[in-house]
Amino acid sequence: MSKETPPKDWDKLWIEYNKALKEWMEAFESLQGATKNVQSKYNDVMAKALKESSDKTMHQFTENWQKSMSDAGIKTFKQFGDNWQKILNQSGMDQVQTYGDMMNKFAETWQKMWSK
């Protein structure tokens, strides 16, 4: 009967990375579900509002909705991108630099999309 040898440092780091990646994927899937739910509720509200509200009320609602989405989303994605940049700069992981850049571009695109 052979004893299992403890994982090397690299193996341990890889296992931890995969665990963190799985947690991130679950959080991302949760975010996707929440996004779908928000969009569905927004569609319901807009359908009801179109039937029952004045143009002024619709305009005010649209502005408030865009502002709240912008405030909530931009800060979160920007912070995520900034955190990635800090990690990359501290560790010198050049191969992951592209991912941080991509997240920053995503945050910028998100901001442009909702700031109109």
N, C-alpha and C. Protein backbone atom coordinates (compact mmCIF):
# COMPACT_ATOMS: atom_id res chain seq x y z
N MET A 1 0.83 -1.16 0.00
CA MET A 1 0.00 0.00 0.00
C MET A 1 0.89 1.24 0.00
N SER A 2 0.67 2.11 -0.97
CA SER A 2 1.51 3.30 -1.06
C SER A 2 0.78 4.50 -0.48
N LYS A 3 1.55 5.30 0.19
CA LYS A 3 0.99 6.53 0.73
C LYS A 3 0.95 7.58 -0.35
N GLU A 4 -0.10 8.40 -0.31
CA GLU A 4 -0.16 9.51 -1.25
C GLU A 4 0.82 10.58 -0.79
N THR A 5 1.56 11.10 -1.75
CA THR A 5 2.49 12.17 -1.40
C THR A 5 1.73 13.49 -1.41
N PRO A 6 2.07 14.38 -0.49
CA PRO A 6 1.37 15.67 -0.49
C PRO A 6 1.67 16.44 -1.77
N PRO A 7 0.70 17.21 -2.24
CA PRO A 7 0.93 17.94 -3.48
C PRO A 7 2.07 18.94 -3.33
N LYS A 8 2.78 19.11 -4.40
CA LYS A 8 3.85 20.10 -4.40
C LYS A 8 3.23 21.48 -4.33
N ASP A 9 4.04 22.48 -4.06
CA ASP A 9 3.54 23.84 -3.97
C ASP A 9 2.78 24.23 -5.23
N TRP A 10 3.31 23.86 -6.38
CA TRP A 10 2.66 24.21 -7.64
C TRP A 10 1.29 23.57 -7.73
N ASP A 11 1.21 22.30 -7.36
CA ASP A 11 -0.07 21.59 -7.40
C ASP A 11 -1.07 22.23 -6.45
N LYS A 12 -0.62 22.61 -5.27
CA LYS A 12 -1.49 23.25 -4.30
C LYS A 12 -2.01 24.58 -4.85
N LEU A 13 -1.13 25.37 -5.44
CA LEU A 13 -1.55 26.64 -6.02
C LEU A 13 -2.54 26.43 -7.15
N TRP A 14 -2.28 25.42 -7.97
CA TRP A 14 -3.18 25.14 -9.09
C TRP A 14 -4.56 24.73 -8.59
N ILE A 15 -4.61 23.92 -7.56
CA ILE A 15 -5.88 23.49 -6.97
C ILE A 15 -6.63 24.70 -6.41
N GLU A 16 -5.91 25.58 -5.71
CA GLU A 16 -6.52 26.78 -5.16
C GLU A 16 -7.02 27.69 -6.28
N TYR A 17 -6.23 27.81 -7.34
CA TYR A 17 -6.66 28.63 -8.49
C TYR A 17 -7.93 28.07 -9.10
N ASN A 18 -7.99 26.77 -9.31
CA ASN A 18 -9.18 26.15 -9.89
C ASN A 18 -10.39 26.33 -8.98
N LYS A 19 -10.20 26.25 -7.68
CA LYS A 19 -11.30 26.48 -6.74
C LYS A 19 -11.79 27.92 -6.85
N ALA A 20 -10.86 28.87 -6.89
CA ALA A 20 -11.24 30.27 -7.03
C ALA A 20 -11.94 30.52 -8.36
N LEU A 21 -11.45 29.89 -9.42
CA LEU A 21 -12.07 30.04 -10.73
C LEU A 21 -13.49 29.50 -10.73
N LYS A 22 -13.69 28.37 -10.07
CA LYS A 22 -15.03 27.80 -9.97
C LYS A 22 -15.95 28.75 -9.21
N GLU A 23 -15.46 29.33 -8.12
CA GLU A 23 -16.26 30.29 -7.36
C GLU A 23 -16.59 31.51 -8.22
N TRP A 24 -15.62 31.96 -9.01
CA TRP A 24 -15.85 33.10 -9.90
C TRP A 24 -16.91 32.75 -10.93
N MET A 25 -16.81 31.55 -11.50
CA MET A 25 -17.79 31.13 -12.51
C MET A 25 -19.20 31.07 -11.91
N GLU A 26 -19.32 30.58 -10.68
CA GLU A 26 -20.62 30.53 -10.02
C GLU A 26 -21.15 31.95 -9.78
N ALA A 27 -20.27 32.85 -9.36
CA ALA A 27 -20.68 34.24 -9.16
C ALA A 27 -21.10 34.87 -10.48
N PHE A 28 -20.36 34.59 -11.54
CA PHE A 28 -20.68 35.12 -12.85
C PHE A 28 -22.03 34.60 -13.33
N GLU A 29 -22.28 33.31 -13.14
CA GLU A 29 -23.56 32.74 -13.52
C GLU A 29 -24.69 33.38 -12.71
N SER A 30 -24.43 33.63 -11.44
CA SER A 30 -25.41 34.29 -10.60
C SER A 30 -25.68 35.71 -11.11
N LEU A 31 -24.62 36.40 -11.51
CA LEU A 31 -24.76 37.74 -12.07
C LEU A 31 -25.58 37.70 -13.36
N GLN A 32 -25.33 36.69 -14.18
CA GLN A 32 -26.10 36.55 -15.42
C GLN A 32 -27.58 36.33 -15.11
N GLY A 33 -27.85 35.50 -14.11
CA GLY A 33 -29.25 35.25 -13.73
C GLY A 33 -29.90 36.52 -13.19
N ALA A 34 -29.16 37.26 -12.37
CA ALA A 34 -29.69 38.51 -11.83
C ALA A 34 -29.92 39.52 -12.95
N THR A 35 -29.03 39.55 -13.92
CA THR A 35 -29.17 40.46 -15.05
C THR A 35 -30.43 40.11 -15.85
N LYS A 36 -30.62 38.84 -16.08
CA LYS A 36 -31.82 38.39 -16.82
C LYS A 36 -33.08 38.77 -16.05
N ASN A 37 -33.05 38.59 -14.74
CA ASN A 37 -34.20 38.94 -13.90
C ASN A 37 -34.47 40.44 -13.93
N VAL A 38 -33.42 41.24 -13.83
CA VAL A 38 -33.58 42.69 -13.89
C VAL A 38 -34.17 43.10 -15.23
N GLN A 39 -33.66 42.53 -16.31
CA GLN A 39 -34.17 42.88 -17.63
C GLN A 39 -35.63 42.49 -17.78
N SER A 40 -35.99 41.33 -17.27
CA SER A 40 -37.38 40.88 -17.34
C SER A 40 -38.29 41.82 -16.56
N LYS A 41 -37.88 42.18 -15.34
CA LYS A 41 -38.69 43.10 -14.53
C LYS A 41 -38.77 44.47 -15.18
N TYR A 42 -37.67 44.91 -15.75
CA TYR A 42 -37.67 46.19 -16.45
C TYR A 42 -38.67 46.17 -17.61
N ASN A 43 -38.65 45.08 -18.37
CA ASN A 43 -39.60 44.95 -19.48
C ASN A 43 -41.04 44.98 -18.99
N ASP A 44 -41.31 44.31 -17.86
CA ASP A 44 -42.66 44.32 -17.28
C ASP A 44 -43.07 45.72 -16.87
N VAL A 45 -42.15 46.41 -16.19
CA VAL A 45 -42.44 47.77 -15.73
C VAL A 45 -42.67 48.70 -16.92
N MET A 46 -41.81 48.58 -17.93
CA MET A 46 -41.96 49.45 -19.10
C MET A 46 -43.26 49.19 -19.84
N ALA A 47 -43.66 47.94 -19.95
CA ALA A 47 -44.92 47.62 -20.61
C ALA A 47 -46.10 48.24 -19.86
N LYS A 48 -46.08 48.11 -18.55
CA LYS A 48 -47.14 48.71 -17.73
C LYS A 48 -47.08 50.23 -17.82
N ALA A 49 -45.89 50.78 -17.74
CA ALA A 49 -45.74 52.23 -17.78
C ALA A 49 -46.20 52.81 -19.11
N LEU A 50 -45.89 52.12 -20.20
CA LEU A 50 -46.32 52.61 -21.51
C LEU A 50 -47.85 52.69 -21.62
N LYS A 51 -48.51 51.75 -20.96
CA LYS A 51 -49.97 51.73 -21.00
C LYS A 51 -50.57 52.82 -20.11
N GLU A 52 -49.94 53.04 -18.95
CA GLU A 52 -50.60 53.82 -17.90
C GLU A 52 -49.96 55.16 -17.56
N SER A 53 -48.85 55.53 -18.15
CA SER A 53 -48.13 56.73 -17.72
C SER A 53 -48.06 57.79 -18.81
N SER A 54 -47.78 59.00 -18.35
CA SER A 54 -47.60 60.12 -19.28
C SER A 54 -46.18 60.11 -19.83
N ASP A 55 -45.95 60.90 -20.87
CA ASP A 55 -44.60 61.00 -21.45
C ASP A 55 -43.61 61.53 -20.42
N LYS A 56 -44.03 62.49 -19.61
CA LYS A 56 -43.15 63.06 -18.58
C LYS A 56 -42.73 62.00 -17.57
N THR A 57 -43.68 61.22 -17.11
CA THR A 57 -43.39 60.15 -16.15
C THR A 57 -42.45 59.12 -16.76
N MET A 58 -42.69 58.76 -18.02
CA MET A 58 -41.82 57.80 -18.71
C MET A 58 -40.40 58.34 -18.82
N HIS A 59 -40.28 59.58 -19.18
CA HIS A 59 -38.96 60.19 -19.32
C HIS A 59 -38.23 60.18 -17.98
N GLN A 60 -38.92 60.55 -16.91
CA GLN A 60 -38.32 60.58 -15.58
C GLN A 60 -37.90 59.17 -15.15
N PHE A 61 -38.78 58.20 -15.38
CA PHE A 61 -38.45 56.82 -15.02
C PHE A 61 -37.21 56.34 -15.76
N THR A 62 -37.15 56.60 -17.06
CA THR A 62 -36.02 56.16 -17.87
C THR A 62 -34.72 56.79 -17.38
N GLU A 63 -34.75 58.06 -17.08
CA GLU A 63 -33.55 58.73 -16.56
C GLU A 63 -33.11 58.13 -15.23
N ASN A 64 -34.07 57.93 -14.33
CA ASN A 64 -33.75 57.36 -13.01
C ASN A 64 -33.21 55.94 -13.14
N TRP A 65 -33.80 55.16 -14.03
CA TRP A 65 -33.34 53.78 -14.21
C TRP A 65 -31.92 53.76 -14.76
N GLN A 66 -31.65 54.58 -15.77
CA GLN A 66 -30.31 54.62 -16.34
C GLN A 66 -29.28 55.08 -15.31
N LYS A 67 -29.63 56.04 -14.50
CA LYS A 67 -28.71 56.53 -13.48
C LYS A 67 -28.43 55.45 -12.44
N SER A 68 -29.48 54.75 -11.99
CA SER A 68 -29.27 53.72 -10.98
C SER A 68 -28.45 52.55 -11.54
N MET A 69 -28.71 52.16 -12.78
CA MET A 69 -27.92 51.09 -13.40
C MET A 69 -26.48 51.53 -13.57
N SER A 70 -26.30 52.75 -13.98
CA SER A 70 -24.96 53.29 -14.18
C SER A 70 -24.20 53.31 -12.86
N ASP A 71 -24.84 53.86 -11.83
CA ASP A 71 -24.18 53.95 -10.53
C ASP A 71 -23.80 52.58 -9.99
N ALA A 72 -24.70 51.63 -10.11
CA ALA A 72 -24.46 50.29 -9.58
C ALA A 72 -23.44 49.52 -10.40
N GLY A 73 -23.60 49.56 -11.71
CA GLY A 73 -22.77 48.72 -12.57
C GLY A 73 -21.38 49.25 -12.82
N ILE A 74 -21.26 50.52 -13.10
CA ILE A 74 -19.96 51.07 -13.48
C ILE A 74 -18.96 50.95 -12.35
N LYS A 75 -19.39 51.31 -11.16
CA LYS A 75 -18.49 51.26 -10.02
C LYS A 75 -17.99 49.84 -9.78
N THR A 76 -18.89 48.89 -9.89
CA THR A 76 -18.52 47.49 -9.64
C THR A 76 -17.53 46.99 -10.68
N PHE A 77 -17.83 47.19 -11.97
CA PHE A 77 -16.93 46.70 -13.00
C PHE A 77 -15.60 47.45 -13.01
N LYS A 78 -15.65 48.75 -12.74
CA LYS A 78 -14.43 49.55 -12.69
C LYS A 78 -13.55 49.06 -11.54
N GLN A 79 -14.16 48.82 -10.38
CA GLN A 79 -13.40 48.34 -9.23
C GLN A 79 -12.79 46.97 -9.53
N PHE A 80 -13.55 46.10 -10.18
CA PHE A 80 -13.03 44.78 -10.54
C PHE A 80 -11.81 44.91 -11.45
N GLY A 81 -11.93 45.77 -12.46
CA GLY A 81 -10.80 45.99 -13.37
C GLY A 81 -9.61 46.59 -12.67
N ASP A 82 -9.86 47.55 -11.78
CA ASP A 82 -8.76 48.16 -11.03
C ASP A 82 -8.07 47.14 -10.13
N ASN A 83 -8.85 46.29 -9.49
CA ASN A 83 -8.26 45.25 -8.64
C ASN A 83 -7.38 44.30 -9.45
N TRP A 84 -7.84 43.95 -10.64
CA TRP A 84 -7.03 43.09 -11.51
C TRP A 84 -5.71 43.80 -11.85
N GLN A 85 -5.80 45.09 -12.16
CA GLN A 85 -4.59 45.85 -12.49
C GLN A 85 -3.60 45.83 -11.33
N LYS A 86 -4.09 46.02 -10.11
CA LYS A 86 -3.22 46.01 -8.93
C LYS A 86 -2.53 44.66 -8.79
N ILE A 87 -3.30 43.60 -8.96
CA ILE A 87 -2.73 42.25 -8.84
C ILE A 87 -1.65 42.04 -9.89
N LEU A 88 -1.94 42.45 -11.11
CA LEU A 88 -0.99 42.26 -12.20
C LEU A 88 0.28 43.07 -11.96
N ASN A 89 0.13 44.29 -11.52
CA ASN A 89 1.29 45.14 -11.30
C ASN A 89 2.14 44.63 -10.14
N GLN A 90 1.53 44.06 -9.13
CA GLN A 90 2.27 43.56 -7.98
C GLN A 90 3.01 42.28 -8.31
N SER A 91 2.42 41.43 -9.09
CA SER A 91 3.01 40.12 -9.31
C SER A 91 3.81 40.02 -10.60
N GLY A 92 3.66 41.00 -11.48
CA GLY A 92 4.40 40.95 -12.74
C GLY A 92 3.91 39.87 -13.68
N MET A 93 2.65 39.52 -13.60
CA MET A 93 2.11 38.45 -14.43
C MET A 93 1.69 39.03 -15.77
N ASP A 94 2.63 39.19 -16.67
CA ASP A 94 2.37 39.82 -17.96
C ASP A 94 1.33 39.08 -18.79
N GLN A 95 1.32 37.77 -18.68
CA GLN A 95 0.39 37.00 -19.51
C GLN A 95 -1.07 37.22 -19.10
N VAL A 96 -1.33 37.72 -17.90
CA VAL A 96 -2.69 37.97 -17.45
C VAL A 96 -3.06 39.44 -17.63
N GLN A 97 -2.09 40.27 -18.01
CA GLN A 97 -2.31 41.70 -18.20
C GLN A 97 -3.46 41.96 -19.18
N THR A 98 -3.52 41.18 -20.22
CA THR A 98 -4.56 41.35 -21.24
C THR A 98 -5.95 41.22 -20.64
N TYR A 99 -6.12 40.30 -19.72
CA TYR A 99 -7.42 40.11 -19.09
C TYR A 99 -7.85 41.35 -18.31
N GLY A 100 -6.94 41.94 -17.56
CA GLY A 100 -7.24 43.16 -16.82
C GLY A 100 -7.60 44.30 -17.76
N ASP A 101 -6.87 44.41 -18.86
CA ASP A 101 -7.17 45.43 -19.85
C ASP A 101 -8.56 45.22 -20.43
N MET A 102 -8.90 43.98 -20.70
CA MET A 102 -10.21 43.66 -21.24
C MET A 102 -11.32 44.05 -20.26
N MET A 103 -11.12 43.78 -18.98
CA MET A 103 -12.13 44.13 -17.98
C MET A 103 -12.29 45.65 -17.88
N ASN A 104 -11.19 46.38 -17.99
CA ASN A 104 -11.28 47.85 -17.98
C ASN A 104 -12.05 48.36 -19.19
N LYS A 105 -11.79 47.77 -20.35
CA LYS A 105 -12.53 48.16 -21.56
C LYS A 105 -14.02 47.83 -21.40
N PHE A 106 -14.31 46.70 -20.78
CA PHE A 106 -15.70 46.32 -20.55
C PHE A 106 -16.37 47.36 -19.65
N ALA A 107 -15.69 47.78 -18.58
CA ALA A 107 -16.25 48.78 -17.68
C ALA A 107 -16.47 50.10 -18.41
N GLU A 108 -15.53 50.48 -19.27
CA GLU A 108 -15.69 51.71 -20.04
C GLU A 108 -16.88 51.61 -20.99
N THR A 109 -17.01 50.47 -21.66
CA THR A 109 -18.12 50.27 -22.58
C THR A 109 -19.44 50.30 -21.83
N TRP A 110 -19.47 49.66 -20.67
CA TRP A 110 -20.67 49.64 -19.84
C TRP A 110 -21.06 51.09 -19.47
N GLN A 111 -20.05 51.87 -19.08
CA GLN A 111 -20.31 53.25 -18.69
C GLN A 111 -20.85 54.06 -19.87
N LYS A 112 -20.25 53.89 -21.04
CA LYS A 112 -20.71 54.61 -22.22
C LYS A 112 -22.14 54.22 -22.58
N MET A 113 -22.44 52.94 -22.44
CA MET A 113 -23.75 52.43 -22.80
C MET A 113 -24.84 53.02 -21.91
N TRP A 114 -24.57 53.19 -20.61
CA TRP A 114 -25.60 53.64 -19.69
C TRP A 114 -25.55 55.13 -19.41
N SER A 115 -24.54 55.82 -19.89
CA SER A 115 -24.46 57.25 -19.59
C SER A 115 -25.16 58.09 -20.64
N LYS A 116 -25.70 57.46 -21.66
CA LYS A 116 -26.41 58.20 -22.71
C LYS A 116 -27.75 58.69 -22.24
